[in-house]
Amino acid sequence: MMKKTAAAIFIGLLVLSLAGCAWNIQDRTADMGRSQASFKERDAPQDGTRRQGSEQSRQPQASFQEPAGDGRQPGGISPEKAQEEEGTYRLQIIIGDQSFSAKLYENETARALIKTFPVTLEMSEMNRNEKYYYFSQEFPANPSVPEKINAGDLMLYGGDCLVLFYESFTTSYSYTPVGYLEDPTGLAQAVGNAEIQVSFQTG
């Protein structure tokens, strides 16, 4: 009888011991879970952004490039090319009591303009370097940006504006060369700084 009682007590103690171990393991597992959660919370960035090295798409920055080109108008011709097309058209430009001999280029613009001569035009002043007149009709134009405007140059601006330059300067505007005064000496004094009548005669 005493042996059975001792065996029962031993078994009871063993059961209690195993139950204690199980509870201890569960508590440690719970503690580890709480520790890992706390670690993750400390490691996470506070501003809600992803840490460096995370998957983020970065679009390449596009670079702007200036278009290539020399600034000339499409189909334009250079003053050098116009010089090569110099023809035999002769023109007398009469301002007051002074007459200036001019030579026209052999191009469509000059051929179209010369059909309107002889003519006397009331030419307006601009920029203290040119006189201009707008026709009521359009002429063939082949504009380019000249390297330099020379006193005595006769050019077409757009398709209907005849320009007589009496001073030399550089420009970024496009013109179609028409002709030039062979000797522009005294031209600036003859035209002055106001509107003036200019006669164009062939021959």
N, C-alpha and C. Protein backbone atom coordinates (compact mmCIF):
# COMPACT_ATOMS: atom_id res chain seq x y z
N MET A 1 0.84 -1.20 0.00
CA MET A 1 0.00 0.00 0.00
C MET A 1 0.87 1.24 0.00
N MET A 2 1.92 1.29 0.74
CA MET A 2 2.83 2.43 0.81
C MET A 2 3.55 2.61 -0.51
N LYS A 3 3.84 1.56 -1.21
CA LYS A 3 4.52 1.67 -2.53
C LYS A 3 3.62 2.33 -3.53
N LYS A 4 2.31 2.01 -3.52
CA LYS A 4 1.37 2.62 -4.47
C LYS A 4 1.22 4.10 -4.20
N THR A 5 1.21 4.44 -2.93
CA THR A 5 1.06 5.86 -2.57
C THR A 5 2.27 6.65 -3.01
N ALA A 6 3.46 6.10 -2.81
CA ALA A 6 4.69 6.78 -3.23
C ALA A 6 4.73 6.95 -4.73
N ALA A 7 4.27 5.92 -5.47
CA ALA A 7 4.27 5.99 -6.94
C ALA A 7 3.31 7.06 -7.41
N ALA A 8 2.17 7.16 -6.76
CA ALA A 8 1.18 8.17 -7.16
C ALA A 8 1.71 9.58 -6.93
N ILE A 9 2.39 9.75 -5.78
CA ILE A 9 2.98 11.07 -5.48
C ILE A 9 4.03 11.43 -6.51
N PHE A 10 4.85 10.48 -6.91
CA PHE A 10 5.93 10.72 -7.89
C PHE A 10 5.35 11.13 -9.24
N ILE A 11 4.29 10.40 -9.65
CA ILE A 11 3.66 10.71 -10.94
C ILE A 11 3.05 12.10 -10.89
N GLY A 12 2.42 12.44 -9.75
CA GLY A 12 1.83 13.78 -9.61
C GLY A 12 2.88 14.86 -9.72
N LEU A 13 4.00 14.67 -9.06
CA LEU A 13 5.07 15.66 -9.13
C LEU A 13 5.61 15.81 -10.56
N LEU A 14 5.71 14.67 -11.28
CA LEU A 14 6.23 14.70 -12.66
C LEU A 14 5.30 15.48 -13.58
N VAL A 15 3.99 15.25 -13.40
CA VAL A 15 3.01 15.97 -14.22
C VAL A 15 3.10 17.46 -13.97
N LEU A 16 3.17 17.83 -12.66
CA LEU A 16 3.28 19.26 -12.35
C LEU A 16 4.54 19.87 -12.92
N SER A 17 5.63 19.12 -12.91
CA SER A 17 6.90 19.61 -13.43
C SER A 17 6.82 19.84 -14.93
N LEU A 18 6.20 18.87 -15.65
CA LEU A 18 6.07 19.02 -17.12
C LEU A 18 5.16 20.19 -17.47
N ALA A 19 4.09 20.38 -16.73
CA ALA A 19 3.18 21.49 -16.98
C ALA A 19 3.89 22.83 -16.77
N GLY A 20 4.73 22.89 -15.76
CA GLY A 20 5.47 24.13 -15.50
C GLY A 20 6.41 24.45 -16.64
N CYS A 21 7.05 23.40 -17.17
CA CYS A 21 7.97 23.61 -18.31
C CYS A 21 7.21 24.14 -19.51
N ALA A 22 6.03 23.59 -19.78
CA ALA A 22 5.23 24.02 -20.94
C ALA A 22 4.83 25.47 -20.81
N TRP A 23 4.38 25.83 -19.57
CA TRP A 23 3.98 27.24 -19.37
C TRP A 23 5.18 28.17 -19.55
N ASN A 24 6.34 27.75 -19.09
CA ASN A 24 7.54 28.57 -19.22
C ASN A 24 7.92 28.79 -20.67
N ILE A 25 7.79 27.72 -21.49
CA ILE A 25 8.11 27.82 -22.93
C ILE A 25 7.16 28.79 -23.61
N GLN A 26 5.86 28.71 -23.31
CA GLN A 26 4.88 29.61 -23.91
C GLN A 26 5.18 31.07 -23.55
N ASP A 27 5.54 31.29 -22.27
CA ASP A 27 5.85 32.67 -21.86
C ASP A 27 7.06 33.21 -22.60
N ARG A 28 8.10 32.36 -22.77
CA ARG A 28 9.31 32.81 -23.48
C ARG A 28 9.01 33.10 -24.95
N THR A 29 8.16 32.24 -25.56
CA THR A 29 7.80 32.45 -26.96
C THR A 29 7.07 33.77 -27.12
N ALA A 30 6.15 34.03 -26.18
CA ALA A 30 5.40 35.30 -26.23
C ALA A 30 6.34 36.48 -26.05
N ASP A 31 7.29 36.34 -25.12
CA ASP A 31 8.25 37.43 -24.90
C ASP A 31 9.08 37.69 -26.15
N MET A 32 9.51 36.61 -26.83
CA MET A 32 10.31 36.75 -28.05
C MET A 32 9.51 37.46 -29.13
N GLY A 33 8.22 37.10 -29.23
CA GLY A 33 7.37 37.75 -30.24
C GLY A 33 7.24 39.23 -29.97
N ARG A 34 7.05 39.57 -28.66
CA ARG A 34 6.93 40.98 -28.32
C ARG A 34 8.24 41.71 -28.56
N SER A 35 9.37 41.04 -28.30
CA SER A 35 10.67 41.67 -28.53
C SER A 35 10.90 41.93 -30.01
N GLN A 36 10.55 40.95 -30.86
CA GLN A 36 10.73 41.13 -32.30
C GLN A 36 9.85 42.26 -32.81
N ALA A 37 8.61 42.32 -32.29
CA ALA A 37 7.71 43.40 -32.71
C ALA A 37 8.28 44.75 -32.31
N SER A 38 8.81 44.84 -31.09
CA SER A 38 9.39 46.09 -30.63
C SER A 38 10.59 46.47 -31.47
N PHE A 39 11.41 45.49 -31.85
CA PHE A 39 12.59 45.73 -32.69
C PHE A 39 12.18 46.27 -34.04
N LYS A 40 11.13 45.69 -34.65
CA LYS A 40 10.66 46.14 -35.96
C LYS A 40 10.15 47.57 -35.87
N GLU A 41 9.43 47.90 -34.76
CA GLU A 41 8.92 49.25 -34.61
C GLU A 41 10.04 50.25 -34.48
N ARG A 42 11.13 49.90 -33.76
CA ARG A 42 12.26 50.82 -33.62
C ARG A 42 13.00 50.97 -34.94
N ASP A 43 13.06 49.89 -35.72
CA ASP A 43 13.84 49.91 -36.97
C ASP A 43 13.11 50.64 -38.08
N ALA A 44 11.77 50.69 -37.99
CA ALA A 44 11.01 51.31 -39.07
C ALA A 44 11.22 52.81 -39.07
N PRO A 45 11.36 53.46 -40.27
CA PRO A 45 11.50 54.92 -40.33
C PRO A 45 10.23 55.59 -39.86
N GLN A 46 10.40 56.75 -39.22
CA GLN A 46 9.28 57.42 -38.60
C GLN A 46 8.45 58.25 -39.58
N ASP A 47 9.01 58.57 -40.80
CA ASP A 47 8.29 59.44 -41.73
C ASP A 47 7.47 58.67 -42.75
N GLY A 48 7.40 57.37 -42.64
CA GLY A 48 6.57 56.58 -43.54
C GLY A 48 7.21 56.27 -44.88
N THR A 49 8.42 56.75 -45.10
CA THR A 49 9.09 56.48 -46.38
C THR A 49 9.85 55.17 -46.31
N ARG A 50 10.20 54.71 -47.52
CA ARG A 50 10.96 53.47 -47.56
C ARG A 50 12.43 53.78 -47.44
N ARG A 51 13.15 52.85 -46.80
CA ARG A 51 14.58 53.06 -46.60
C ARG A 51 15.34 52.98 -47.92
N GLN A 52 16.52 53.56 -47.91
CA GLN A 52 17.36 53.50 -49.09
C GLN A 52 17.66 52.05 -49.44
N GLY A 53 17.58 51.74 -50.70
CA GLY A 53 17.80 50.38 -51.13
C GLY A 53 16.52 49.65 -51.43
N SER A 54 15.37 50.24 -51.02
CA SER A 54 14.10 49.60 -51.34
C SER A 54 13.78 49.83 -52.80
N GLU A 55 12.81 49.08 -53.31
CA GLU A 55 12.48 49.17 -54.72
C GLU A 55 11.73 50.46 -55.01
N GLN A 56 12.40 51.40 -55.65
CA GLN A 56 11.80 52.65 -56.05
C GLN A 56 12.21 52.93 -57.48
N SER A 57 11.24 53.36 -58.29
CA SER A 57 11.56 53.67 -59.69
C SER A 57 12.04 55.10 -59.76
N ARG A 58 13.16 55.34 -60.44
CA ARG A 58 13.72 56.67 -60.64
C ARG A 58 13.80 56.92 -62.14
N GLN A 59 12.99 57.87 -62.62
CA GLN A 59 12.98 58.18 -64.04
C GLN A 59 14.23 58.98 -64.38
N PRO A 60 14.90 58.67 -65.51
CA PRO A 60 16.07 59.46 -65.91
C PRO A 60 15.66 60.88 -66.27
N GLN A 61 16.51 61.84 -65.93
CA GLN A 61 16.23 63.23 -66.25
C GLN A 61 16.49 63.48 -67.73
N ALA A 62 15.48 64.03 -68.40
CA ALA A 62 15.64 64.33 -69.81
C ALA A 62 16.44 65.61 -69.96
N SER A 63 17.36 65.63 -70.90
CA SER A 63 18.16 66.81 -71.15
C SER A 63 17.68 67.51 -72.40
N PHE A 64 17.60 68.83 -72.32
CA PHE A 64 17.14 69.62 -73.47
C PHE A 64 18.34 69.97 -74.33
N GLN A 65 18.19 69.79 -75.64
CA GLN A 65 19.25 70.11 -76.58
C GLN A 65 18.73 71.15 -77.57
N GLU A 66 19.58 72.11 -77.81
CA GLU A 66 19.21 73.11 -78.80
C GLU A 66 19.18 72.46 -80.17
N PRO A 67 18.15 72.81 -80.97
CA PRO A 67 18.12 72.27 -82.32
C PRO A 67 19.30 72.74 -83.14
N ALA A 68 19.81 71.87 -83.99
CA ALA A 68 20.95 72.22 -84.83
C ALA A 68 20.49 73.10 -85.97
N GLY A 69 21.42 73.87 -86.51
CA GLY A 69 21.10 74.71 -87.66
C GLY A 69 21.85 76.02 -87.58
N ASP A 70 21.90 76.74 -88.71
CA ASP A 70 22.64 77.98 -88.77
C ASP A 70 21.74 79.20 -88.73
N GLY A 71 20.42 79.00 -88.46
CA GLY A 71 19.52 80.12 -88.32
C GLY A 71 18.97 80.65 -89.62
N ARG A 72 19.34 80.06 -90.75
CA ARG A 72 18.85 80.54 -92.03
C ARG A 72 17.43 80.06 -92.27
N GLN A 73 16.67 80.82 -93.01
CA GLN A 73 15.32 80.42 -93.37
C GLN A 73 15.37 79.25 -94.35
N PRO A 74 14.39 78.32 -94.29
CA PRO A 74 14.36 77.21 -95.25
C PRO A 74 14.32 77.74 -96.68
N GLY A 75 15.23 77.25 -97.51
CA GLY A 75 15.27 77.67 -98.90
C GLY A 75 15.99 78.98 -99.11
N GLY A 76 16.56 79.57 -98.01
CA GLY A 76 17.23 80.86 -98.13
C GLY A 76 18.54 80.74 -98.89
N ILE A 77 18.99 81.87 -99.44
CA ILE A 77 20.28 81.90 -100.13
C ILE A 77 21.16 82.90 -99.41
N SER A 78 22.45 82.67 -99.43
CA SER A 78 23.37 83.56 -98.77
C SER A 78 23.68 84.75 -99.66
N PRO A 79 24.17 85.85 -99.09
CA PRO A 79 24.56 86.99 -99.91
C PRO A 79 25.64 86.63 -100.92
N GLU A 80 26.52 85.66 -100.52
CA GLU A 80 27.55 85.24 -101.47
C GLU A 80 26.92 84.59 -102.70
N LYS A 81 25.88 83.78 -102.47
CA LYS A 81 25.18 83.15 -103.59
C LYS A 81 24.50 84.21 -104.45
N ALA A 82 23.94 85.22 -103.80
CA ALA A 82 23.29 86.29 -104.55
C ALA A 82 24.31 87.03 -105.41
N GLN A 83 25.50 87.23 -104.89
CA GLN A 83 26.55 87.89 -105.67
C GLN A 83 26.89 87.09 -106.91
N GLU A 84 26.88 85.76 -106.81
CA GLU A 84 27.17 84.92 -107.97
C GLU A 84 26.09 85.04 -109.04
N GLU A 85 24.85 85.41 -108.59
CA GLU A 85 23.75 85.51 -109.53
C GLU A 85 23.60 86.92 -110.10
N GLU A 86 24.62 87.76 -109.90
CA GLU A 86 24.56 89.13 -110.36
C GLU A 86 24.35 89.18 -111.87
N GLY A 87 23.39 89.99 -112.29
CA GLY A 87 23.06 90.07 -113.72
C GLY A 87 23.44 91.41 -114.32
N THR A 88 22.78 91.76 -115.39
CA THR A 88 23.10 92.98 -116.12
C THR A 88 22.03 94.05 -115.96
N TYR A 89 21.05 93.80 -115.03
CA TYR A 89 20.02 94.81 -114.82
C TYR A 89 20.65 96.06 -114.21
N ARG A 90 20.35 97.22 -114.82
CA ARG A 90 20.84 98.49 -114.32
C ARG A 90 19.67 99.33 -113.87
N LEU A 91 19.92 100.13 -112.85
CA LEU A 91 18.84 100.91 -112.26
C LEU A 91 19.37 102.27 -111.85
N GLN A 92 18.56 103.29 -112.04
CA GLN A 92 18.87 104.62 -111.53
C GLN A 92 17.91 104.92 -110.39
N ILE A 93 18.49 105.26 -109.23
CA ILE A 93 17.70 105.63 -108.06
C ILE A 93 17.86 107.14 -107.87
N ILE A 94 16.77 107.86 -107.99
CA ILE A 94 16.80 109.32 -107.96
C ILE A 94 16.16 109.82 -106.67
N ILE A 95 16.94 110.61 -105.93
CA ILE A 95 16.47 111.18 -104.66
C ILE A 95 16.74 112.68 -104.72
N GLY A 96 15.67 113.44 -104.81
CA GLY A 96 15.84 114.88 -104.97
C GLY A 96 16.54 115.18 -106.27
N ASP A 97 17.66 115.89 -106.19
CA ASP A 97 18.43 116.21 -107.39
C ASP A 97 19.64 115.30 -107.56
N GLN A 98 19.67 114.21 -106.76
CA GLN A 98 20.80 113.29 -106.86
C GLN A 98 20.36 111.96 -107.48
N SER A 99 21.27 111.40 -108.28
CA SER A 99 21.00 110.12 -108.93
C SER A 99 22.10 109.13 -108.57
N PHE A 100 21.68 107.92 -108.22
CA PHE A 100 22.63 106.86 -107.84
C PHE A 100 22.45 105.68 -108.79
N SER A 101 23.57 105.18 -109.28
CA SER A 101 23.52 104.01 -110.16
C SER A 101 23.47 102.74 -109.32
N ALA A 102 22.58 101.83 -109.68
CA ALA A 102 22.43 100.57 -108.95
C ALA A 102 22.48 99.39 -109.90
N LYS A 103 22.81 98.28 -109.37
CA LYS A 103 22.88 97.03 -110.13
C LYS A 103 21.98 96.02 -109.45
N LEU A 104 21.14 95.32 -110.20
CA LEU A 104 20.23 94.33 -109.64
C LEU A 104 20.77 92.93 -109.85
N TYR A 105 20.41 92.04 -108.93
CA TYR A 105 20.82 90.65 -109.06
C TYR A 105 19.91 89.93 -110.05
N GLU A 106 20.43 88.89 -110.63
CA GLU A 106 19.66 88.05 -111.55
C GLU A 106 18.93 87.00 -110.73
N ASN A 107 17.76 87.41 -110.19
CA ASN A 107 16.93 86.47 -109.45
C ASN A 107 15.46 86.79 -109.69
N GLU A 108 14.59 85.93 -109.27
CA GLU A 108 13.15 86.09 -109.53
C GLU A 108 12.60 87.37 -108.90
N THR A 109 13.12 87.72 -107.73
CA THR A 109 12.61 88.91 -107.04
C THR A 109 12.92 90.16 -107.85
N ALA A 110 14.15 90.29 -108.31
CA ALA A 110 14.53 91.47 -109.10
C ALA A 110 13.76 91.51 -110.41
N ARG A 111 13.59 90.36 -111.05
CA ARG A 111 12.86 90.33 -112.33
C ARG A 111 11.40 90.74 -112.13
N ALA A 112 10.81 90.35 -111.00
CA ALA A 112 9.41 90.73 -110.73
C ALA A 112 9.31 92.21 -110.39
N LEU A 113 10.25 92.71 -109.59
CA LEU A 113 10.21 94.11 -109.20
C LEU A 113 10.42 95.05 -110.38
N ILE A 114 11.33 94.68 -111.26
CA ILE A 114 11.69 95.59 -112.36
C ILE A 114 10.51 95.82 -113.30
N LYS A 115 9.53 94.93 -113.27
CA LYS A 115 8.34 95.10 -114.09
C LYS A 115 7.47 96.25 -113.60
N THR A 116 7.67 96.66 -112.35
CA THR A 116 6.90 97.79 -111.80
C THR A 116 7.58 99.13 -112.06
N PHE A 117 8.80 99.12 -112.56
CA PHE A 117 9.55 100.36 -112.81
C PHE A 117 9.24 100.87 -114.22
N PRO A 118 9.31 102.19 -114.43
CA PRO A 118 9.67 103.26 -113.48
C PRO A 118 8.55 103.54 -112.49
N VAL A 119 8.95 103.88 -111.28
CA VAL A 119 7.97 104.17 -110.24
C VAL A 119 8.60 105.13 -109.23
N THR A 120 7.79 105.97 -108.65
CA THR A 120 8.23 106.85 -107.56
C THR A 120 7.49 106.44 -106.31
N LEU A 121 8.25 106.13 -105.25
CA LEU A 121 7.68 105.61 -104.01
C LEU A 121 7.88 106.59 -102.86
N GLU A 122 6.87 106.70 -102.01
CA GLU A 122 6.99 107.47 -100.77
C GLU A 122 7.51 106.53 -99.70
N MET A 123 8.80 106.60 -99.46
CA MET A 123 9.45 105.64 -98.58
C MET A 123 9.54 106.20 -97.16
N SER A 124 9.20 105.34 -96.19
CA SER A 124 9.20 105.73 -94.77
C SER A 124 10.54 105.46 -94.13
N GLU A 125 10.77 106.13 -93.01
CA GLU A 125 12.02 106.02 -92.25
C GLU A 125 11.91 104.96 -91.16
N MET A 126 13.00 104.22 -90.93
CA MET A 126 13.05 103.29 -89.79
C MET A 126 14.47 103.17 -89.27
N ASN A 127 14.60 103.32 -87.95
CA ASN A 127 15.85 103.04 -87.21
C ASN A 127 17.05 103.87 -87.64
N ARG A 128 16.82 104.93 -88.37
CA ARG A 128 17.91 105.79 -88.84
C ARG A 128 18.95 105.01 -89.64
N ASN A 129 18.48 103.98 -90.32
CA ASN A 129 19.41 103.25 -91.20
C ASN A 129 18.74 102.72 -92.47
N GLU A 130 17.41 102.91 -92.61
CA GLU A 130 16.74 102.38 -93.80
C GLU A 130 15.51 103.19 -94.18
N LYS A 131 15.15 103.07 -95.45
CA LYS A 131 13.88 103.57 -95.97
C LYS A 131 13.13 102.35 -96.51
N TYR A 132 11.81 102.33 -96.31
CA TYR A 132 11.04 101.16 -96.73
C TYR A 132 9.71 101.57 -97.34
N TYR A 133 9.18 100.66 -98.16
CA TYR A 133 7.88 100.88 -98.79
C TYR A 133 7.17 99.54 -98.95
N TYR A 134 5.87 99.50 -98.54
CA TYR A 134 5.07 98.29 -98.70
C TYR A 134 4.25 98.38 -99.98
N PHE A 135 4.47 97.42 -100.87
CA PHE A 135 3.68 97.32 -102.09
C PHE A 135 2.32 96.69 -101.78
N SER A 136 1.40 96.84 -102.68
CA SER A 136 0.08 96.22 -102.53
C SER A 136 0.06 94.82 -103.11
N GLN A 137 1.19 94.34 -103.60
CA GLN A 137 1.29 93.01 -104.18
C GLN A 137 2.48 92.27 -103.59
N GLU A 138 2.45 90.96 -103.70
CA GLU A 138 3.54 90.12 -103.23
C GLU A 138 4.49 89.81 -104.38
N PHE A 139 5.79 89.71 -104.04
CA PHE A 139 6.81 89.35 -105.01
C PHE A 139 7.46 88.02 -104.59
N PRO A 140 8.05 87.30 -105.55
CA PRO A 140 8.76 86.08 -105.17
C PRO A 140 9.86 86.41 -104.17
N ALA A 141 10.00 85.61 -103.17
CA ALA A 141 11.00 85.86 -102.12
C ALA A 141 11.80 84.60 -101.84
N ASN A 142 13.07 84.80 -101.55
CA ASN A 142 13.97 83.69 -101.20
C ASN A 142 14.89 84.19 -100.09
N PRO A 143 14.35 84.38 -98.89
CA PRO A 143 15.09 85.11 -97.84
C PRO A 143 16.21 84.32 -97.19
N SER A 144 17.17 85.06 -96.70
CA SER A 144 18.26 84.52 -95.89
C SER A 144 18.71 85.61 -94.94
N VAL A 145 19.47 85.22 -93.92
CA VAL A 145 20.00 86.18 -92.96
C VAL A 145 21.38 86.62 -93.44
N PRO A 146 21.53 87.85 -93.87
CA PRO A 146 22.85 88.29 -94.36
C PRO A 146 23.84 88.44 -93.22
N GLU A 147 25.10 88.26 -93.53
CA GLU A 147 26.11 88.44 -92.50
C GLU A 147 26.21 89.91 -92.09
N LYS A 148 25.95 90.79 -93.07
CA LYS A 148 26.04 92.22 -92.80
C LYS A 148 25.19 92.98 -93.81
N ILE A 149 24.57 94.05 -93.34
CA ILE A 149 23.87 94.98 -94.23
C ILE A 149 24.85 96.09 -94.57
N ASN A 150 24.96 96.41 -95.85
CA ASN A 150 25.85 97.48 -96.29
C ASN A 150 25.03 98.66 -96.80
N ALA A 151 25.53 99.85 -96.57
CA ALA A 151 24.88 101.04 -97.09
C ALA A 151 24.74 100.91 -98.60
N GLY A 152 23.53 101.17 -99.11
CA GLY A 152 23.28 101.05 -100.54
C GLY A 152 22.63 99.74 -100.93
N ASP A 153 22.47 98.81 -99.97
CA ASP A 153 21.80 97.54 -100.27
C ASP A 153 20.32 97.77 -100.52
N LEU A 154 19.81 97.09 -101.52
CA LEU A 154 18.38 97.12 -101.83
C LEU A 154 17.86 95.70 -101.62
N MET A 155 16.89 95.53 -100.69
CA MET A 155 16.43 94.20 -100.33
C MET A 155 14.92 94.17 -100.19
N LEU A 156 14.38 92.95 -100.21
CA LEU A 156 12.95 92.74 -100.00
C LEU A 156 12.77 92.08 -98.65
N TYR A 157 11.94 92.70 -97.81
CA TYR A 157 11.60 92.13 -96.52
C TYR A 157 10.23 91.47 -96.63
N GLY A 158 10.14 90.22 -96.26
CA GLY A 158 8.90 89.48 -96.48
C GLY A 158 8.69 89.32 -97.97
N GLY A 159 7.45 89.52 -98.40
CA GLY A 159 7.18 89.38 -99.84
C GLY A 159 6.73 90.67 -100.49
N ASP A 160 6.61 91.78 -99.68
CA ASP A 160 6.03 92.99 -100.26
C ASP A 160 6.68 94.29 -99.80
N CYS A 161 7.76 94.21 -99.04
CA CYS A 161 8.37 95.43 -98.49
C CYS A 161 9.75 95.64 -99.09
N LEU A 162 9.89 96.72 -99.88
CA LEU A 162 11.17 97.07 -100.47
C LEU A 162 11.94 97.96 -99.50
N VAL A 163 13.20 97.62 -99.26
CA VAL A 163 14.01 98.35 -98.28
C VAL A 163 15.29 98.84 -98.94
N LEU A 164 15.55 100.12 -98.75
CA LEU A 164 16.81 100.73 -99.19
C LEU A 164 17.59 101.12 -97.94
N PHE A 165 18.73 100.48 -97.72
CA PHE A 165 19.54 100.76 -96.53
C PHE A 165 20.54 101.85 -96.84
N TYR A 166 20.67 102.81 -95.92
CA TYR A 166 21.64 103.88 -96.13
C TYR A 166 22.74 103.90 -95.07
N GLU A 167 22.72 102.92 -94.17
CA GLU A 167 23.80 102.74 -93.19
C GLU A 167 24.18 101.26 -93.16
N SER A 168 25.42 100.98 -92.75
CA SER A 168 25.90 99.60 -92.64
C SER A 168 25.75 99.13 -91.18
N PHE A 169 25.33 97.87 -91.00
CA PHE A 169 25.15 97.31 -89.66
C PHE A 169 24.93 95.80 -89.80
N THR A 170 24.93 95.11 -88.67
CA THR A 170 24.61 93.68 -88.66
C THR A 170 23.16 93.49 -88.27
N THR A 171 22.56 92.37 -88.70
CA THR A 171 21.15 92.12 -88.43
C THR A 171 20.89 90.64 -88.26
N SER A 172 19.79 90.31 -87.59
CA SER A 172 19.35 88.92 -87.45
C SER A 172 18.09 88.66 -88.27
N TYR A 173 17.62 89.67 -89.01
CA TYR A 173 16.42 89.52 -89.82
C TYR A 173 16.76 88.91 -91.18
N SER A 174 15.74 88.36 -91.82
CA SER A 174 15.91 87.72 -93.13
C SER A 174 15.43 88.64 -94.24
N TYR A 175 16.20 88.68 -95.31
CA TYR A 175 15.87 89.50 -96.47
C TYR A 175 16.18 88.73 -97.75
N THR A 176 15.53 89.15 -98.83
CA THR A 176 15.88 88.65 -100.17
C THR A 176 16.69 89.73 -100.86
N PRO A 177 17.94 89.45 -101.25
CA PRO A 177 18.75 90.47 -101.93
C PRO A 177 18.13 90.84 -103.28
N VAL A 178 18.07 92.13 -103.55
CA VAL A 178 17.54 92.62 -104.83
C VAL A 178 18.63 93.29 -105.65
N GLY A 179 19.43 94.12 -105.01
CA GLY A 179 20.50 94.82 -105.72
C GLY A 179 21.29 95.69 -104.77
N TYR A 180 22.11 96.60 -105.34
CA TYR A 180 22.93 97.46 -104.50
C TYR A 180 23.37 98.69 -105.30
N LEU A 181 23.60 99.78 -104.60
CA LEU A 181 24.15 100.97 -105.22
C LEU A 181 25.64 100.76 -105.46
N GLU A 182 26.07 101.08 -106.65
CA GLU A 182 27.50 100.88 -106.96
C GLU A 182 28.38 101.83 -106.17
N ASP A 183 27.88 103.01 -105.88
CA ASP A 183 28.61 103.97 -105.04
C ASP A 183 27.61 104.69 -104.14
N PRO A 184 27.52 104.27 -102.87
CA PRO A 184 26.53 104.86 -101.96
C PRO A 184 27.00 106.16 -101.30
N THR A 185 28.10 106.71 -101.75
CA THR A 185 28.59 107.95 -101.15
C THR A 185 27.54 109.05 -101.25
N GLY A 186 27.22 109.67 -100.14
CA GLY A 186 26.23 110.75 -100.11
C GLY A 186 24.80 110.26 -99.98
N LEU A 187 24.55 108.94 -99.91
CA LEU A 187 23.19 108.42 -99.82
C LEU A 187 22.52 108.83 -98.52
N ALA A 188 23.23 108.71 -97.39
CA ALA A 188 22.64 109.04 -96.09
C ALA A 188 22.23 110.50 -96.04
N GLN A 189 23.04 111.39 -96.61
CA GLN A 189 22.70 112.81 -96.62
C GLN A 189 21.51 113.08 -97.54
N ALA A 190 21.41 112.32 -98.63
CA ALA A 190 20.34 112.54 -99.60
C ALA A 190 18.98 112.11 -99.04
N VAL A 191 18.93 111.01 -98.29
CA VAL A 191 17.64 110.51 -97.80
C VAL A 191 17.19 111.18 -96.51
N GLY A 192 18.14 111.65 -95.70
CA GLY A 192 17.78 112.29 -94.44
C GLY A 192 17.13 111.32 -93.46
N ASN A 193 16.36 111.85 -92.50
CA ASN A 193 15.77 111.03 -91.44
C ASN A 193 14.24 111.06 -91.45
N ALA A 194 13.64 111.43 -92.55
CA ALA A 194 12.18 111.51 -92.63
C ALA A 194 11.70 110.78 -93.88
N GLU A 195 10.38 110.79 -94.08
CA GLU A 195 9.84 110.22 -95.31
C GLU A 195 10.38 110.98 -96.52
N ILE A 196 10.54 110.23 -97.60
CA ILE A 196 11.13 110.87 -98.79
C ILE A 196 10.65 110.15 -100.04
N GLN A 197 10.56 110.88 -101.12
CA GLN A 197 10.22 110.29 -102.40
C GLN A 197 11.47 109.75 -103.08
N VAL A 198 11.38 108.50 -103.55
CA VAL A 198 12.52 107.87 -104.24
C VAL A 198 12.00 107.32 -105.55
N SER A 199 12.66 107.70 -106.64
CA SER A 199 12.27 107.22 -107.97
C SER A 199 13.20 106.11 -108.43
N PHE A 200 12.62 105.07 -109.01
CA PHE A 200 13.38 103.93 -109.53
C PHE A 200 13.15 103.86 -111.03
N GLN A 201 14.22 103.95 -111.80
CA GLN A 201 14.12 103.92 -113.25
C GLN A 201 15.13 102.92 -113.80
N THR A 202 14.74 102.19 -114.81
CA THR A 202 15.65 101.23 -115.43
C THR A 202 16.56 101.97 -116.42
N GLY A 203 17.71 101.37 -116.75
CA GLY A 203 18.61 101.93 -117.73
C GLY A 203 19.92 102.39 -117.11
